[in-house]
Every structure is written in C-alpha cells, then in structure tokens.
Protein backbone atom coordinates (compact mmCIF):
# COMPACT_ATOMS: atom_id res chain seq x y z
CA UNK A 1 208.98 -8.18 176.59
CA UNK A 2 211.39 -8.30 173.69
CA UNK A 3 211.49 -9.68 170.17
CA UNK A 4 214.52 -11.05 168.37
CA UNK A 5 214.85 -11.72 164.65
CA UNK A 6 216.18 -15.24 164.23
CA UNK A 7 217.90 -16.89 161.28
CA UNK A 8 214.88 -19.04 160.53
CA UNK A 9 211.64 -18.54 158.68
CA UNK A 10 208.67 -20.42 157.34
CA UNK A 11 208.14 -22.45 154.19
CA UNK A 12 205.30 -24.56 152.81
CA UNK A 13 205.10 -28.08 151.47
CA UNK A 14 202.70 -28.17 148.55
CA UNK A 15 200.74 -31.20 147.33
CA UNK A 16 200.62 -30.59 143.59
CA UNK A 17 197.36 -32.42 143.00
CA UNK A 18 195.15 -30.06 140.95
CA UNK A 19 198.08 -27.65 140.70
CA UNK A 20 199.51 -25.78 137.73
CA UNK A 21 201.87 -22.99 136.79
CA UNK A 22 200.55 -20.38 134.35
CA UNK A 23 202.91 -18.12 132.41
CA UNK A 24 202.46 -14.44 133.33
CA UNK A 25 205.37 -12.77 131.51
CA UNK A 26 208.92 -12.13 132.68
CA UNK A 27 210.56 -10.91 135.87
CA UNK A 28 214.26 -9.96 135.97
CA UNK A 29 214.66 -11.54 132.53
CA UNK A 30 213.29 -14.95 133.58
CA UNK A 31 209.87 -16.53 133.02
CA UNK A 32 207.26 -15.63 135.64
CA UNK A 33 204.58 -18.18 136.57
CA UNK A 34 201.53 -17.92 138.76
CA UNK A 35 201.14 -20.97 140.99
CA UNK A 36 197.49 -22.00 141.02
CA UNK A 37 195.79 -24.71 143.07
CA UNK A 38 197.41 -27.40 145.14
CA UNK A 39 197.10 -28.00 148.87
CA UNK A 40 199.50 -26.97 151.62
CA UNK A 41 200.30 -30.17 153.53
CA UNK A 42 202.82 -28.71 155.98
CA UNK A 43 204.35 -25.49 157.22
CA UNK A 44 208.02 -25.88 158.07
CA UNK A 45 210.53 -23.84 160.04
CA UNK A 46 213.57 -23.56 157.74
CA UNK A 47 216.99 -21.91 157.64
CA UNK A 48 216.45 -20.16 154.28
CA UNK A 49 212.81 -19.26 153.64
CA UNK A 50 211.96 -18.81 149.96
CA UNK A 51 210.22 -15.50 150.76
CA UNK A 52 213.53 -14.26 152.26
CA UNK A 53 211.85 -12.96 155.44
CA UNK A 54 212.98 -14.29 158.80
CA UNK A 55 210.73 -14.94 161.77
CA UNK A 56 210.89 -13.16 165.13
CA UNK A 57 210.77 -14.63 168.59
CA UNK A 58 208.40 -12.80 170.98
CA UNK A 59 209.63 -13.50 174.51
CA UNK A 60 206.51 -12.54 176.48
CA UNK A 61 204.33 -15.05 174.68
CA UNK A 62 207.06 -17.55 173.77
CA UNK A 63 205.90 -17.31 170.13
CA UNK A 64 207.71 -17.53 166.84
CA UNK A 65 205.99 -15.18 164.37
CA UNK A 66 206.45 -14.17 160.75
CA UNK A 67 204.91 -14.45 157.29
CA UNK A 68 204.53 -17.84 155.66
CA UNK A 69 203.56 -16.49 152.24
CA UNK A 70 203.30 -12.99 150.78
CA UNK A 71 200.73 -12.41 148.00
CA UNK A 72 202.23 -11.66 144.58
CA UNK A 73 205.84 -11.83 145.82
CA UNK A 74 208.20 -13.09 143.13
CA UNK A 75 210.05 -16.18 144.40
CA UNK A 76 213.04 -17.60 142.51
CA UNK A 77 212.63 -21.31 141.68
CA UNK A 78 214.56 -23.92 139.71
CA UNK A 79 211.43 -25.68 138.44
CA UNK A 80 209.05 -24.57 135.71
CA UNK A 81 205.93 -26.26 134.34
CA UNK A 82 207.97 -28.59 132.11
CA UNK A 83 210.80 -29.49 134.48
CA UNK A 84 214.07 -27.84 135.52
CA UNK A 85 214.08 -24.14 134.60
CA UNK A 86 215.35 -20.93 136.19
CA UNK A 87 212.21 -18.89 136.78
CA UNK A 88 210.06 -17.02 139.28
CA UNK A 89 206.75 -18.06 140.80
CA UNK A 90 204.13 -16.10 142.69
CA UNK A 91 200.98 -16.95 144.61
CA UNK A 92 197.97 -14.63 144.34
CA UNK A 93 196.08 -13.41 147.39
CA UNK A 94 193.15 -15.61 146.33
CA UNK A 95 195.35 -18.73 146.16
CA UNK A 96 196.88 -17.98 149.58
CA UNK A 97 193.40 -17.47 151.04
CA UNK A 98 192.37 -20.89 149.72
CA UNK A 99 195.48 -22.45 151.28
CA UNK A 100 194.54 -20.91 154.62
CA UNK A 101 190.94 -22.13 154.44
CA UNK A 102 191.93 -25.67 153.43
CA UNK A 103 195.04 -26.13 155.61
CA UNK A 104 194.79 -29.32 157.62
CA UNK A 105 198.46 -30.20 157.61
CA UNK A 106 201.25 -30.25 160.12
CA UNK A 107 203.95 -27.97 161.46
CA UNK A 108 207.49 -29.28 160.93
CA UNK A 109 211.05 -28.29 161.64
CA UNK A 110 212.73 -28.39 158.19
CA UNK A 111 211.36 -30.14 155.10
C-alpha cells in the first residue's frame, strides 16, 4: 500500500439561500467574515482548493482522501457581504457540522 499527494483537492459549491457573512474583525489587515448558513450542493475535485490542502491517493483502497473544509480556517476571498472585496472568510465547526448533516448534493470534477 502507498499514498501519494496529488495536485488536486476538494472544494464546495454553496447555495446561498439563508446564507450571510458576519463581520468578525480583521485578519492580515483585511476584513474577516464568518460564513453562516447556506447549503452545500456539491463537492468538487479542483486544481487549487481554497483551503490550500491537497488530497492523497491511497492505492490499496483506490481512494482519494483529504479535508473538504477545516473549521475556523481563514480563507482568502474576493467577495464580501456587499460585493467585490478583498477579505477572508471562515466556517465554524457548527456550520460545517450542519453542512455534513444536510448534504444531499453531488460529487463533481471541477466547478
């Protein structure tokens, strides 16, 4: 058995119904927002995951494994609550748990 880190990772597609960004201060000199609500409609395999963590291929099981989201990790975004804005978002553990419970989406290659 072996595992290989690949140049791919996971990302989510988020339905922004009942979703909001709440200001939580600053991170690296930019506004920091907590992403609250919404529904994950898809998990995608992408070339540049926003969480900046690549997946690994596990040969014995023929599985691709890695994190999809990391609680409280600051993620650089170009969109704030009022439109284009350089900022950071994070998802709380509670929000990620709700995504997991309510996920009924699809797995995709790319967005």
